[in-house]
Amino acid sequence: MVSRTLVPNSVRLLCLALLVWFTPGGISSAQTQARQPLSAKPLAYLQKQLGQEPYDLLKSQPLQRRLIALLGPEYKSLVANLNPATELEEENGVLHTEGNAPHRGGEEEAILLIDIENDTIEVFLRHKETTVLAWAEHGRTVALPHEAMDRMKRWPQAAVVKALGDLQRSSARASASASGSKSAIPESTLAASAPGTASLCAPATPCYETGSFSATVNDFRTSSAGRFKVLTVNLRITSKVHRALMLGIVQGSGLGIDDRGNRYVIENVNSVHGMGVITSSSSVDTKFTLEPGESGDARIEMVLGMDHNIIYGTSFTISMTLREIESLGATQLRLGREHEIRFTQLVNGLEPRPISAPAITGNLPLTAASAPESRAAIPAATPMTDACAGTQRCYSSGPVVATIAQITASSVGNFKDHVLRLEVKFRNLSDRPIILAYASGTSTALDNLGNAYTWGHAGTHDVSAQGIGLTTSSSADPRFILQPGETRNATFQVIRYRPGNAPLGTSYTYNVTIQQLEILPSEQIRTVREYSMNFANLNAGGMPHVQEINDSVKKLTDIFGRKRKEGPW
C-alpha cells in the first residue's frame, strides 16, 4: 500500500501510529499468522550479506523481483536512495539498511526491512523532504529496528504518522479478513503509551537526540570569505551512554540548504574542527571521545561559491552524518551506527524559529501490556556539571576550562587593518597533567556584521598565538603543560585586512581549536583529543565603538566650525 497524502500533525494520532508501529513484536498481523516453517524462508540467503553494503544485495534474486513487484516504478527511487547506505545489519531477526541519495540526506532517503522469519519485505521512502511513502508485503508489518527508528524521528512527523497509520490499517484489514473478523484494533489499546528516557534537548532549541547522544547547535553564523559564502555551525554533543563514546563525521555527508535552494558543502577535512572525519572503514580518527555524561564541541564550516547572479537565503537547513566508532580492544576499531543529524530554520546569530511539530525524543512507546515488563527504559548517563556554570566568555569540556580574560581591538598599519587580541586563560580540572597546543590555522572570528577575521594570510606560517605551543600536520610543540588545578594564559590575535571605510562590528564570535597532546614512551607526540572552542557575543575593550568615533568626529567638526565663525582669540 502506498500513502502520499499528508495530514495535520496531531499528538494523539502521533502516539497512536508510533505506538502500533514502533513495537518490537508488538501488535501486528505477524502475531496472528503462523510463523513460516524453516523450509519456507526464501530470503534466508540474505543473512550471508550481513556486514556488506546493499548494492549487490538489491540485484539478487528473488529479492529484486519482489521489490519491483512491491514498489513498481519507485524501485529505481529505492536504489537511488540507498546510495550511500549503511551495511546490512540484523536486529531481532529483521535485516535492515538505511541510506540516502548522494548529498541529499534530509531530502531523498530510504529504509529497507526484511523479516526472514515471516518472509516479509517492507520499504519506506522519503521524497522531496516532506513526503513519506510506505509499502509492505502480504498485509503484514515488520518491527522497526532502532536504526530505522532513529532515521524516521527526523522525518516530517505528520507524514510519518499518515504513512504508518495507513499501512497499519491495511495490515489490520488483512488480518481481520484472514480470521473472518470485522473488528478493528481497539483505539484504547492503540493510544496507550509507556514512558521513555528523559530528553536532554531543551524546548524550542535546535537539538537532535539519539539513544547515544544529544547534539545542540549552540552557535550559527553566516559570513563571506573571499569568493565564498560561509556557514559556521558549532555543535555541543553530550553523551548519554555508560561507556566511552567515540564519534566521527562521515566524509561527504555535510550539507546546508538555504530557503532559496542554494546548497552549501563541507569543502575538505580542514573545514571540520574538534572532530575527526571518517573517510573510509580503514581511516578512522578517534579524537572526539566523550566519557559518560560528558559534553564536547565540534565546529563545521560549509561553503558556497559566490556569484552576483545568486540570491542568498536567510534561513538554513543543516544536515550531516555522525558515525559511532567502537573499540574492540587493543588498537582495533570498527565503525558502528550512523546518525544523520538535521537542524531546520536556523538563521544568522542562532535565532531558531518555532518548530510546528513536537520532536520525537527518548524511547519510542511500546504497548501498554508489554512496556513495563519486557523492555524497561535504560536511564541515560547523567550529564557532567558544566564548569562554566553559565558564565559568559567561558568554554568547558572534559578536563579543560578556557575563559576569555581580555579582548582588545585596534587599527594598525597604513591600511588600518583591524586587529583583535584575545587573552585566554586555561585551567586543568583533572588530577593529572595535561598538554595543550594551538592547532595552526584555526583561530578565526566573525563580527556582528558578518565580517571575517583570520589568523593571517593563507600560505604563511601561523604566528598568531603567543604563550602556547603550535601543532601542524608534521610537528607539535608540547611546551604548554598544565599541572592538576593549574591555570595559564595564552594570547591569540586575529586580523581583518584592509577594511577601508567599511563599518566595524561591535561584538564578536571567536573560534579556536586546541589540541590535547600525549607524549608516548617512544618520545613521539600524538593528539588524543581536540577542543573546538566557541565564544559568542564578545565586546572588545581598548578601542572606541564605531558610533563613539562618529560622535567624537561630529563634536570636533562642530567645535572647529564654531571657531572659524568666531575668528581667532
Foldseek 3Di string as FASTA:
>chain_A
DKDWDFDDDDPQLLLLLLQQAQAAVADKLVVVDDWDPPVPQVPVVCVVQAPHWCQVVCVDPPNVVVLCVFPPPCSVLQNQQVVPKGRWHDDPQKTKIKGGHQLQPLAWIKIWIARRRRRKIKIWIHHRNATIIITIPPLIGHNDDQLVVLSCLSGDSRRVSRRSVVSRVSSQVSSCVVVVHPDGDDSVQSSDFDDFADDPDDPPFQWGDGQFKIKGFPAWAWFDDDQKTKIKTKIKIWTFAQAKWFKAFEPSFKWKAAPVGDIWAQPDQVQKFFHHYDDDFVDHDRQNIAHAQFMAMMMGMTIDGHDPVDDDHFWMKIKTKMWIWDDPDDPDIGIHRIHIRMGTGAGHGGDRDGDDDDRDDGDRTYGPVCAPPPDDHDYTGHHDDAPCNPPAQWDDTDQKIKGFPAWAWFFDDPLRKIKIKTKMKIWGADQAKWFKAFEPFWKKKAFPVRAIWTQDDPPDGRPFKPPGWYDYPVDTDRPHMHHHGRMDMMMGMTIRGRPDPPFDGFFMKIWTKMFIWDQDPVRDIDTNTIGTDIHGGHGHPDDDHPVVVVVVVVVVVVVVVVCVVVDDD
